[in-house]
Amino acid sequence: MEFDWNSPPFELQSSLTPRDVEESFEDPFAVRLMPDSPRFAVQARFFNLGKSASGLGVFSVFRTNGKQIRVIFARTFDPEEQFFYQRKVNQALS
């Protein structure tokens, strides 16, 4: 996957790097969702929940043209996202 980091439309949190975000997309247990909201569906935006190689949970909003990913927003997991991600991992491993 190729990422477009030219002029990202957001500031990364101090604990989050572009590498962490990219690694979260490579997580074999990453969860990708298409939002249920018409607002996001019209703009073809998706959600990704995954972990970096260091174990940092990353929530991202992104769009893609199939070749390149443009991250629109990224931050670390909140507690509910951590719970949801872990539940999906447990289901995959069962």
PDB file of N, CA and C in Angstrom:
ATOM      1  N   MET A   1       0.831  -1.183   0.000  1.00  0.00           N
ATOM      2  CA  MET A   1       0.000   0.000   0.000  1.00  0.00           C
ATOM      3  C   MET A   1       0.873   1.243   0.000  1.00  0.00           C
ATOM      4  N   GLU A   2       0.445   2.198  -0.734  1.00  0.00           N
ATOM      5  CA  GLU A   2       1.143   3.476  -0.776  1.00  0.00           C
ATOM      6  C   GLU A   2       0.293   4.520  -0.065  1.00  0.00           C
ATOM      7  N   PHE A   3       0.939   5.342   0.731  1.00  0.00           N
ATOM      8  CA  PHE A   3       0.230   6.367   1.491  1.00  0.00           C
ATOM      9  C   PHE A   3       0.575   7.749   0.963  1.00  0.00           C
ATOM     10  N   ASP A   4      -0.417   8.621   0.936  1.00  0.00           N
ATOM     11  CA  ASP A   4      -0.236  10.006   0.535  1.00  0.00           C
ATOM     12  C   ASP A   4      -0.140  10.850   1.801  1.00  0.00           C
ATOM     13  N   TRP A   5       1.080  11.294   2.134  1.00  0.00           N
ATOM     14  CA  TRP A   5       1.290  12.118   3.331  1.00  0.00           C
ATOM     15  C   TRP A   5       1.563  13.578   2.970  1.00  0.00           C
ATOM     16  N   ASN A   6       1.295  13.970   1.728  1.00  0.00           N
ATOM     17  CA  ASN A   6       1.485  15.358   1.336  1.00  0.00           C
ATOM     18  C   ASN A   6       0.423  16.233   1.980  1.00  0.00           C
ATOM     19  N   SER A   7       0.845  17.171   2.775  1.00  0.00           N
ATOM     20  CA  SER A   7      -0.052  18.111   3.456  1.00  0.00           C
ATOM     21  C   SER A   7      -1.218  17.405   4.132  1.00  0.00           C
ATOM     22  N   PRO A   8      -0.951  16.567   5.144  1.00  0.00           N
ATOM     23  CA  PRO A   8      -2.075  15.890   5.812  1.00  0.00           C
ATOM     24  C   PRO A   8      -3.033  16.916   6.411  1.00  0.00           C
ATOM     25  N   PRO A   9      -4.335  16.644   6.336  1.00  0.00           N
ATOM     26  CA  PRO A   9      -5.335  17.616   6.798  1.00  0.00           C
ATOM     27  C   PRO A   9      -5.543  17.608   8.314  1.00  0.00           C
ATOM     28  N   PHE A  10      -4.588  17.074   9.065  1.00  0.00           N
ATOM     29  CA  PHE A  10      -4.722  17.006  10.512  1.00  0.00           C
ATOM     30  C   PHE A  10      -3.333  16.978  11.131  1.00  0.00           C
ATOM     31  N   GLU A  11      -3.262  17.254  12.418  1.00  0.00           N
ATOM     32  CA  GLU A  11      -2.012  17.168  13.170  1.00  0.00           C
ATOM     33  C   GLU A  11      -1.981  15.829  13.888  1.00  0.00           C
ATOM     34  N   LEU A  12      -0.889  15.101  13.774  1.00  0.00           N
ATOM     35  CA  LEU A  12      -0.741  13.840  14.496  1.00  0.00           C
ATOM     36  C   LEU A  12      -0.545  14.123  15.981  1.00  0.00           C
ATOM     37  N   GLN A  13      -1.125  13.266  16.818  1.00  0.00           N
ATOM     38  CA  GLN A  13      -0.884  13.364  18.246  1.00  0.00           C
ATOM     39  C   GLN A  13       0.594  13.141  18.491  1.00  0.00           C
ATOM     40  N   SER A  14       1.107  13.658  19.586  1.00  0.00           N
ATOM     41  CA  SER A  14       2.543  13.532  19.854  1.00  0.00           C
ATOM     42  C   SER A  14       2.984  12.074  19.989  1.00  0.00           C
ATOM     43  N   SER A  15       2.077  11.185  20.398  1.00  0.00           N
ATOM     44  CA  SER A  15       2.439   9.775  20.572  1.00  0.00           C
ATOM     45  C   SER A  15       2.256   8.957  19.294  1.00  0.00           C
ATOM     46  N   LEU A  16       1.850   9.591  18.206  1.00  0.00           N
ATOM     47  CA  LEU A  16       1.518   8.890  16.972  1.00  0.00           C
ATOM     48  C   LEU A  16       2.396   9.402  15.829  1.00  0.00           C
ATOM     49  N   THR A  17       2.946   8.480  15.046  1.00  0.00           N
ATOM     50  CA  THR A  17       3.778   8.855  13.895  1.00  0.00           C
ATOM     51  C   THR A  17       3.133   8.328  12.616  1.00  0.00           C
ATOM     52  N   PRO A  18       3.501   8.863  11.459  1.00  0.00           N
ATOM     53  CA  PRO A  18       2.995   8.309  10.200  1.00  0.00           C
ATOM     54  C   PRO A  18       3.299   6.809  10.083  1.00  0.00           C
ATOM     55  N   ARG A  19       4.446   6.379  10.584  1.00  0.00           N
ATOM     56  CA  ARG A  19       4.798   4.953  10.533  1.00  0.00           C
ATOM     57  C   ARG A  19       3.808   4.116  11.350  1.00  0.00           C
ATOM     58  N   ASP A  20       3.413   4.608  12.540  1.00  0.00           N
ATOM     59  CA  ASP A  20       2.418   3.899  13.351  1.00  0.00           C
ATOM     60  C   ASP A  20       1.112   3.733  12.571  1.00  0.00           C
ATOM     61  N   VAL A  21       0.698   4.799  11.903  1.00  0.00           N
ATOM     62  CA  VAL A  21      -0.545   4.760  11.132  1.00  0.00           C
ATOM     63  C   VAL A  21      -0.422   3.743  10.003  1.00  0.00           C
ATOM     64  N   GLU A  22       0.660   3.785   9.262  1.00  0.00           N
ATOM     65  CA  GLU A  22       0.860   2.843   8.161  1.00  0.00           C
ATOM     66  C   GLU A  22       0.889   1.407   8.668  1.00  0.00           C
ATOM     67  N   GLU A  23       1.582   1.170   9.773  1.00  0.00           N
ATOM     68  CA  GLU A  23       1.647  -0.184  10.335  1.00  0.00           C
ATOM     69  C   GLU A  23       0.284  -0.674  10.782  1.00  0.00           C
ATOM     70  N   SER A  24      -0.591   0.234  11.226  1.00  0.00           N
ATOM     71  CA  SER A  24      -1.929  -0.183  11.666  1.00  0.00           C
ATOM     72  C   SER A  24      -2.754  -0.730  10.498  1.00  0.00           C
ATOM     73  N   PHE A  25      -2.461  -0.284   9.285  1.00  0.00           N
ATOM     74  CA  PHE A  25      -3.148  -0.810   8.107  1.00  0.00           C
ATOM     75  C   PHE A  25      -2.617  -2.195   7.731  1.00  0.00           C
ATOM     76  N   GLU A  26      -1.385  -2.496   8.128  1.00  0.00           N
ATOM     77  CA  GLU A  26      -0.776  -3.795   7.832  1.00  0.00           C
ATOM     78  C   GLU A  26      -1.099  -4.845   8.883  1.00  0.00           C
ATOM     79  N   ASP A  27      -1.715  -4.443   9.977  1.00  0.00           N
ATOM     80  CA  ASP A  27      -2.104  -5.361  11.055  1.00  0.00           C
ATOM     81  C   ASP A  27      -3.018  -6.447  10.480  1.00  0.00           C
ATOM     82  N   PRO A  28      -2.672  -7.733  10.635  1.00  0.00           N
ATOM     83  CA  PRO A  28      -3.520  -8.797  10.087  1.00  0.00           C
ATOM     84  C   PRO A  28      -4.905  -8.855  10.744  1.00  0.00           C
ATOM     85  N   PHE A  29      -5.060  -8.242  11.901  1.00  0.00           N
ATOM     86  CA  PHE A  29      -6.358  -8.225  12.581  1.00  0.00           C
ATOM     87  C   PHE A  29      -7.063  -6.872  12.443  1.00  0.00           C
ATOM     88  N   ALA A  30      -6.534  -5.994  11.603  1.00  0.00           N
ATOM     89  CA  ALA A  30      -7.146  -4.674  11.424  1.00  0.00           C
ATOM     90  C   ALA A  30      -8.605  -4.829  11.010  1.00  0.00           C
ATOM     91  N   VAL A  31      -9.413  -3.919  11.507  1.00  0.00           N
ATOM     92  CA  VAL A  31     -10.843  -3.908  11.191  1.00  0.00           C
ATOM     93  C   VAL A  31     -11.089  -2.688  10.315  1.00  0.00           C
ATOM     94  N   ARG A  32     -11.625  -2.923   9.114  1.00  0.00           N
ATOM     95  CA  ARG A  32     -11.961  -1.824   8.210  1.00  0.00           C
ATOM     96  C   ARG A  32     -13.474  -1.774   8.076  1.00  0.00           C
ATOM     97  N   LEU A  33     -13.999  -0.580   8.234  1.00  0.00           N
ATOM     98  CA  LEU A  33     -15.442  -0.395   8.215  1.00  0.00           C
ATOM     99  C   LEU A  33     -15.832   0.704   7.247  1.00  0.00           C
ATOM    100  N   MET A  34     -16.954   0.510   6.605  1.00  0.00           N
ATOM    101  CA  MET A  34     -17.561   1.579   5.824  1.00  0.00           C
ATOM    102  C   MET A  34     -18.637   2.176   6.712  1.00  0.00           C
ATOM    103  N   PRO A  35     -18.555   3.451   7.010  1.00  0.00           N
ATOM    104  CA  PRO A  35     -19.510   4.058   7.924  1.00  0.00           C
ATOM    105  C   PRO A  35     -20.944   3.932   7.451  1.00  0.00           C
ATOM    106  N   ASP A  36     -21.827   3.859   8.419  1.00  0.00           N
ATOM    107  CA  ASP A  36     -23.257   3.745   8.154  1.00  0.00           C
ATOM    108  C   ASP A  36     -23.875   5.097   7.814  1.00  0.00           C
ATOM    109  N   SER A  37     -23.170   6.155   8.109  1.00  0.00           N
ATOM    110  CA  SER A  37     -23.684   7.506   7.934  1.00  0.00           C
ATOM    111  C   SER A  37     -23.671   7.925   6.470  1.00  0.00           C
ATOM    112  N   PRO A  38     -24.775   8.492   5.969  1.00  0.00           N
ATOM    113  CA  PRO A  38     -24.792   8.970   4.577  1.00  0.00           C
ATOM    114  C   PRO A  38     -23.717  10.031   4.324  1.00  0.00           C
ATOM    115  N   ARG A  39     -23.366  10.791   5.350  1.00  0.00           N
ATOM    116  CA  ARG A  39     -22.340  11.834   5.212  1.00  0.00           C
ATOM    117  C   ARG A  39     -21.012  11.235   4.759  1.00  0.00           C
ATOM    118  N   PHE A  40     -20.602  10.124   5.360  1.00  0.00           N
ATOM    119  CA  PHE A  40     -19.330   9.501   5.009  1.00  0.00           C
ATOM    120  C   PHE A  40     -19.450   8.671   3.741  1.00  0.00           C
ATOM    121  N   ALA A  41     -20.570   8.035   3.522  1.00  0.00           N
ATOM    122  CA  ALA A  41     -20.750   7.179   2.351  1.00  0.00           C
ATOM    123  C   ALA A  41     -20.650   7.991   1.054  1.00  0.00           C
ATOM    124  N   VAL A  42     -21.217   9.181   1.045  1.00  0.00           N
ATOM    125  CA  VAL A  42     -21.178  10.022  -0.147  1.00  0.00           C
ATOM    126  C   VAL A  42     -19.746  10.422  -0.468  1.00  0.00           C
ATOM    127  N   GLN A  43     -18.943  10.662   0.559  1.00  0.00           N
ATOM    128  CA  GLN A  43     -17.569  11.084   0.351  1.00  0.00           C
ATOM    129  C   GLN A  43     -16.599   9.903   0.282  1.00  0.00           C
ATOM    130  N   ALA A  44     -17.123   8.669   0.307  1.00  0.00           N
ATOM    131  CA  ALA A  44     -16.319   7.441   0.206  1.00  0.00           C
ATOM    132  C   ALA A  44     -15.172   7.421   1.204  1.00  0.00           C
ATOM    133  N   ARG A  45     -15.511   7.574   2.464  1.00  0.00           N
ATOM    134  CA  ARG A  45     -14.519   7.514   3.525  1.00  0.00           C
ATOM    135  C   ARG A  45     -14.721   6.243   4.334  1.00  0.00           C
ATOM    136  N   PHE A  46     -13.637   5.717   4.850  1.00  0.00           N
ATOM    137  CA  PHE A  46     -13.662   4.461   5.577  1.00  0.00           C
ATOM    138  C   PHE A  46     -12.940   4.613   6.908  1.00  0.00           C
ATOM    139  N   PHE A  47     -13.193   3.671   7.816  1.00  0.00           N
ATOM    140  CA  PHE A  47     -12.528   3.645   9.117  1.00  0.00           C
ATOM    141  C   PHE A  47     -11.595   2.445   9.169  1.00  0.00           C
ATOM    142  N   ASN A  48     -10.473   2.599   9.829  1.00  0.00           N
ATOM    143  CA  ASN A  48      -9.542   1.498  10.070  1.00  0.00           C
ATOM    144  C   ASN A  48      -9.175   1.496  11.547  1.00  0.00           C
ATOM    145  N   LEU A  49      -9.284   0.325  12.170  1.00  0.00           N
ATOM    146  CA  LEU A  49      -8.806   0.132  13.534  1.00  0.00           C
ATOM    147  C   LEU A  49      -7.750  -0.956  13.473  1.00  0.00           C
ATOM    148  N   GLY A  50      -6.538  -0.616  13.841  1.00  0.00           N
ATOM    149  CA  GLY A  50      -5.444  -1.578  13.802  1.00  0.00           C
ATOM    150  C   GLY A  50      -4.357  -1.190  14.776  1.00  0.00           C
ATOM    151  N   LYS A  51      -3.408  -2.076  14.941  1.00  0.00           N
ATOM    152  CA  LYS A  51      -2.299  -1.809  15.851  1.00  0.00           C
ATOM    153  C   LYS A  51      -0.992  -1.715  15.080  1.00  0.00           C
ATOM    154  N   SER A  52      -0.134  -0.833  15.572  1.00  0.00           N
ATOM    155  CA  SER A  52       1.202  -0.697  14.991  1.00  0.00           C
ATOM    156  C   SER A  52       2.064  -1.856  15.476  1.00  0.00           C
ATOM    157  N   ALA A  53       3.253  -1.980  14.929  1.00  0.00           N
ATOM    158  CA  ALA A  53       4.168  -3.051  15.333  1.00  0.00           C
ATOM    159  C   ALA A  53       4.534  -2.941  16.812  1.00  0.00           C
ATOM    160  N   SER A  54       4.495  -1.737  17.362  1.00  0.00           N
ATOM    161  CA  SER A  54       4.802  -1.538  18.781  1.00  0.00           C
ATOM    162  C   SER A  54       3.599  -1.784  19.682  1.00  0.00           C
ATOM    163  N   GLY A  55       2.441  -2.109  19.080  1.00  0.00           N
ATOM    164  CA  GLY A  55       1.243  -2.410  19.862  1.00  0.00           C
ATOM    165  C   GLY A  55       0.347  -1.219  20.131  1.00  0.00           C
ATOM    166  N   LEU A  56       0.639  -0.093  19.518  1.00  0.00           N
ATOM    167  CA  LEU A  56      -0.175   1.105  19.695  1.00  0.00           C
ATOM    168  C   LEU A  56      -1.442   0.996  18.851  1.00  0.00           C
ATOM    169  N   GLY A  57      -2.612   1.118  19.471  1.00  0.00           N
ATOM    170  CA  GLY A  57      -3.877   1.060  18.752  1.00  0.00           C
ATOM    171  C   GLY A  57      -4.139   2.365  18.024  1.00  0.00           C
ATOM    172  N   VAL A  58      -4.484   2.285  16.727  1.00  0.00           N
ATOM    173  CA  VAL A  58      -4.683   3.476  15.909  1.00  0.00           C
ATOM    174  C   VAL A  58      -6.050   3.420  15.229  1.00  0.00           C
ATOM    175  N   PHE A  59      -6.834   4.482  15.408  1.00  0.00           N
ATOM    176  CA  PHE A  59      -8.102   4.663  14.699  1.00  0.00           C
ATOM    177  C   PHE A  59      -7.845   5.674  13.594  1.00  0.00           C
ATOM    178  N   SER A  60      -8.210   5.330  12.349  1.00  0.00           N
ATOM    179  CA  SER A  60      -7.989   6.227  11.208  1.00  0.00           C
ATOM    180  C   SER A  60      -9.245   6.359  10.372  1.00  0.00           C
ATOM    181  N   VAL A  61      -9.425   7.537   9.822  1.00  0.00           N
ATOM    182  CA  VAL A  61     -10.431   7.777   8.791  1.00  0.00           C
ATOM    183  C   VAL A  61      -9.631   8.004   7.518  1.00  0.00           C
ATOM    184  N   PHE A  62     -10.015   7.304   6.439  1.00  0.00           N
ATOM    185  CA  PHE A  62      -9.223   7.402   5.217  1.00  0.00           C
ATOM    186  C   PHE A  62     -10.104   7.287   3.986  1.00  0.00           C
ATOM    187  N   ARG A  63      -9.512   7.644   2.873  1.00  0.00           N
ATOM    188  CA  ARG A  63     -10.127   7.396   1.567  1.00  0.00           C
ATOM    189  C   ARG A  63      -9.050   6.766   0.692  1.00  0.00           C
ATOM    190  N   THR A  64      -9.494   6.082  -0.339  1.00  0.00           N
ATOM    191  CA  THR A  64      -8.541   5.403  -1.216  1.00  0.00           C
ATOM    192  C   THR A  64      -9.065   5.372  -2.645  1.00  0.00           C
ATOM    193  N   ASN A  65      -8.128   5.325  -3.569  1.00  0.00           N
ATOM    194  CA  ASN A  65      -8.491   5.152  -4.975  1.00  0.00           C
ATOM    195  C   ASN A  65      -8.141   3.741  -5.446  1.00  0.00           C
ATOM    196  N   GLY A  66      -7.808   2.875  -4.476  1.00  0.00           N
ATOM    197  CA  GLY A  66      -7.431   1.507  -4.790  1.00  0.00           C
ATOM    198  C   GLY A  66      -5.932   1.302  -4.883  1.00  0.00           C
ATOM    199  N   LYS A  67      -5.189   2.375  -5.101  1.00  0.00           N
ATOM    200  CA  LYS A  67      -3.734   2.292  -5.191  1.00  0.00           C
ATOM    201  C   LYS A  67      -3.066   3.056  -4.057  1.00  0.00           C
ATOM    202  N   GLN A  68      -3.697   4.118  -3.643  1.00  0.00           N
ATOM    203  CA  GLN A  68      -3.096   5.000  -2.657  1.00  0.00           C
ATOM    204  C   GLN A  68      -4.103   5.292  -1.546  1.00  0.00           C
ATOM    205  N   ILE A  69      -3.598   5.370  -0.324  1.00  0.00           N
ATOM    206  CA  ILE A  69      -4.444   5.674   0.831  1.00  0.00           C
ATOM    207  C   ILE A  69      -4.140   7.090   1.289  1.00  0.00           C
ATOM    208  N   ARG A  70      -5.180   7.861   1.476  1.00  0.00           N
ATOM    209  CA  ARG A  70      -5.058   9.222   2.007  1.00  0.00           C
ATOM    210  C   ARG A  70      -5.710   9.228   3.380  1.00  0.00           C
ATOM    211  N   VAL A  71      -4.893   9.328   4.422  1.00  0.00           N
ATOM    212  CA  VAL A  71      -5.415   9.364   5.785  1.00  0.00           C
ATOM    213  C   VAL A  71      -5.919  10.775   6.052  1.00  0.00           C
ATOM    214  N   ILE A  72      -7.179  10.863   6.460  1.00  0.00           N
ATOM    215  CA  ILE A  72      -7.814  12.150   6.707  1.00  0.00           C
ATOM    216  C   ILE A  72      -7.713  12.528   8.179  1.00  0.00           C
ATOM    217  N   PHE A  73      -7.702  11.515   9.035  1.00  0.00           N
ATOM    218  CA  PHE A  73      -7.618  11.743  10.474  1.00  0.00           C
ATOM    219  C   PHE A  73      -7.096  10.472  11.131  1.00  0.00           C
ATOM    220  N   ALA A  74      -6.279  10.612  12.156  1.00  0.00           N
ATOM    221  CA  ALA A  74      -5.786   9.450  12.898  1.00  0.00           C
ATOM    222  C   ALA A  74      -5.533   9.847  14.348  1.00  0.00           C
ATOM    223  N   ARG A  75      -5.800   8.895  15.242  1.00  0.00           N
ATOM    224  CA  ARG A  75      -5.535   9.087  16.669  1.00  0.00           C
ATOM    225  C   ARG A  75      -5.417   7.718  17.312  1.00  0.00           C
ATOM    226  N   THR A  76      -4.988   7.685  18.564  1.00  0.00           N
ATOM    227  CA  THR A  76      -4.897   6.421  19.275  1.00  0.00           C
ATOM    228  C   THR A  76      -6.299   5.958  19.670  1.00  0.00           C
ATOM    229  N   PHE A  77      -6.415   4.640  19.924  1.00  0.00           N
ATOM    230  CA  PHE A  77      -7.707   4.064  20.334  1.00  0.00           C
ATOM    231  C   PHE A  77      -8.222   4.734  21.597  1.00  0.00           C
ATOM    232  N   ASP A  78      -9.548   4.893  21.668  1.00  0.00           N
ATOM    233  CA  ASP A  78     -10.162   5.212  22.953  1.00  0.00           C
ATOM    234  C   ASP A  78     -10.561   3.867  23.578  1.00  0.00           C
ATOM    235  N   PRO A  79     -10.982   3.821  24.839  1.00  0.00           N
ATOM    236  CA  PRO A  79     -11.255   2.528  25.493  1.00  0.00           C
ATOM    237  C   PRO A  79     -12.295   1.664  24.772  1.00  0.00           C
ATOM    238  N   GLU A  80     -13.338   2.279  24.208  1.00  0.00           N
ATOM    239  CA  GLU A  80     -14.361   1.501  23.505  1.00  0.00           C
ATOM    240  C   GLU A  80     -13.803   0.867  22.230  1.00  0.00           C
ATOM    241  N   GLU A  81     -12.962   1.591  21.536  1.00  0.00           N
ATOM    242  CA  GLU A  81     -12.353   1.048  20.316  1.00  0.00           C
ATOM    243  C   GLU A  81     -11.378  -0.087  20.651  1.00  0.00           C
ATOM    244  N   GLN A  82     -10.654   0.062  21.738  1.00  0.00           N
ATOM    245  CA  GLN A  82      -9.759  -0.997  22.192  1.00  0.00           C
ATOM    246  C   GLN A  82     -10.553  -2.265  22.491  1.00  0.00           C
ATOM    247  N   PHE A  83     -11.693  -2.104  23.183  1.00  0.00           N
ATOM    248  CA  PHE A  83     -12.553  -3.240  23.508  1.00  0.00           C
ATOM    249  C   PHE A  83     -13.092  -3.892  22.234  1.00  0.00           C
ATOM    250  N   PHE A  84     -13.596  -3.087  21.284  1.00  0.00           N
ATOM    251  CA  PHE A  84     -14.137  -3.593  20.025  1.00  0.00           C
ATOM    252  C   PHE A  84     -13.059  -4.342  19.239  1.00  0.00           C
ATOM    253  N   TYR A  85     -11.874  -3.749  19.123  1.00  0.00           N
ATOM    254  CA  TYR A  85     -10.767  -4.373  18.393  1.00  0.00           C
ATOM    255  C   TYR A  85     -10.406  -5.711  19.030  1.00  0.00           C
ATOM    256  N   GLN A  86     -10.255  -5.728  20.343  1.00  0.00           N
ATOM    257  CA  GLN A  86      -9.863  -6.959  21.020  1.00  0.00           C
ATOM    258  C   GLN A  86     -10.919  -8.041  20.870  1.00  0.00           C
ATOM    259  N   ARG A  87     -12.182  -7.647  20.900  1.00  0.00           N
ATOM    260  CA  ARG A  87     -13.268  -8.613  20.702  1.00  0.00           C
ATOM    261  C   ARG A  87     -13.182  -9.226  19.301  1.00  0.00           C
ATOM    262  N   LYS A  88     -12.904  -8.402  18.275  1.00  0.00           N
ATOM    263  CA  LYS A  88     -12.770  -8.917  16.917  1.00  0.00           C
ATOM    264  C   LYS A  88     -11.555  -9.853  16.793  1.00  0.00           C
ATOM    265  N   VAL A  89     -10.464  -9.521  17.451  1.00  0.00           N
ATOM    266  CA  VAL A  89      -9.282 -10.395  17.427  1.00  0.00           C
ATOM    267  C   VAL A  89      -9.621 -11.730  18.078  1.00  0.00           C
ATOM    268  N   ASN A  90     -10.271 -11.700  19.231  1.00  0.00           N
ATOM    269  CA  ASN A  90     -10.651 -12.931  19.920  1.00  0.00           C
ATOM    270  C   ASN A  90     -11.570 -13.793  19.065  1.00  0.00           C
ATOM    271  N   GLN A  91     -12.515 -13.163  18.345  1.00  0.00           N
ATOM    272  CA  GLN A  91     -13.417 -13.911  17.457  1.00  0.00           C
ATOM    273  C   GLN A  91     -12.626 -14.555  16.324  1.00  0.00           C
ATOM    274  N   ALA A  92     -11.659 -13.832  15.775  1.00  0.00           N
ATOM    275  CA  ALA A  92     -10.859 -14.375  14.670  1.00  0.00           C
ATOM    276  C   ALA A  92      -9.994 -15.558  15.114  1.00  0.00           C
ATOM    277  N   LEU A  93      -9.549 -15.518  16.353  1.00  0.00           N
ATOM    278  CA  LEU A  93      -8.677 -16.578  16.853  1.00  0.00           C
ATOM    279  C   LEU A  93      -9.431 -17.773  17.423  1.00  0.00           C
ATOM    280  N   SER A  94     -10.740 -17.636  17.596  1.00  0.00           N
ATOM    281  CA  SER A  94     -11.540 -18.750  18.151  1.00  0.00           C
ATOM    282  C   SER A  94     -11.833 -19.806  17.109  1.00  0.00           C
TER     283      SER A  94
END
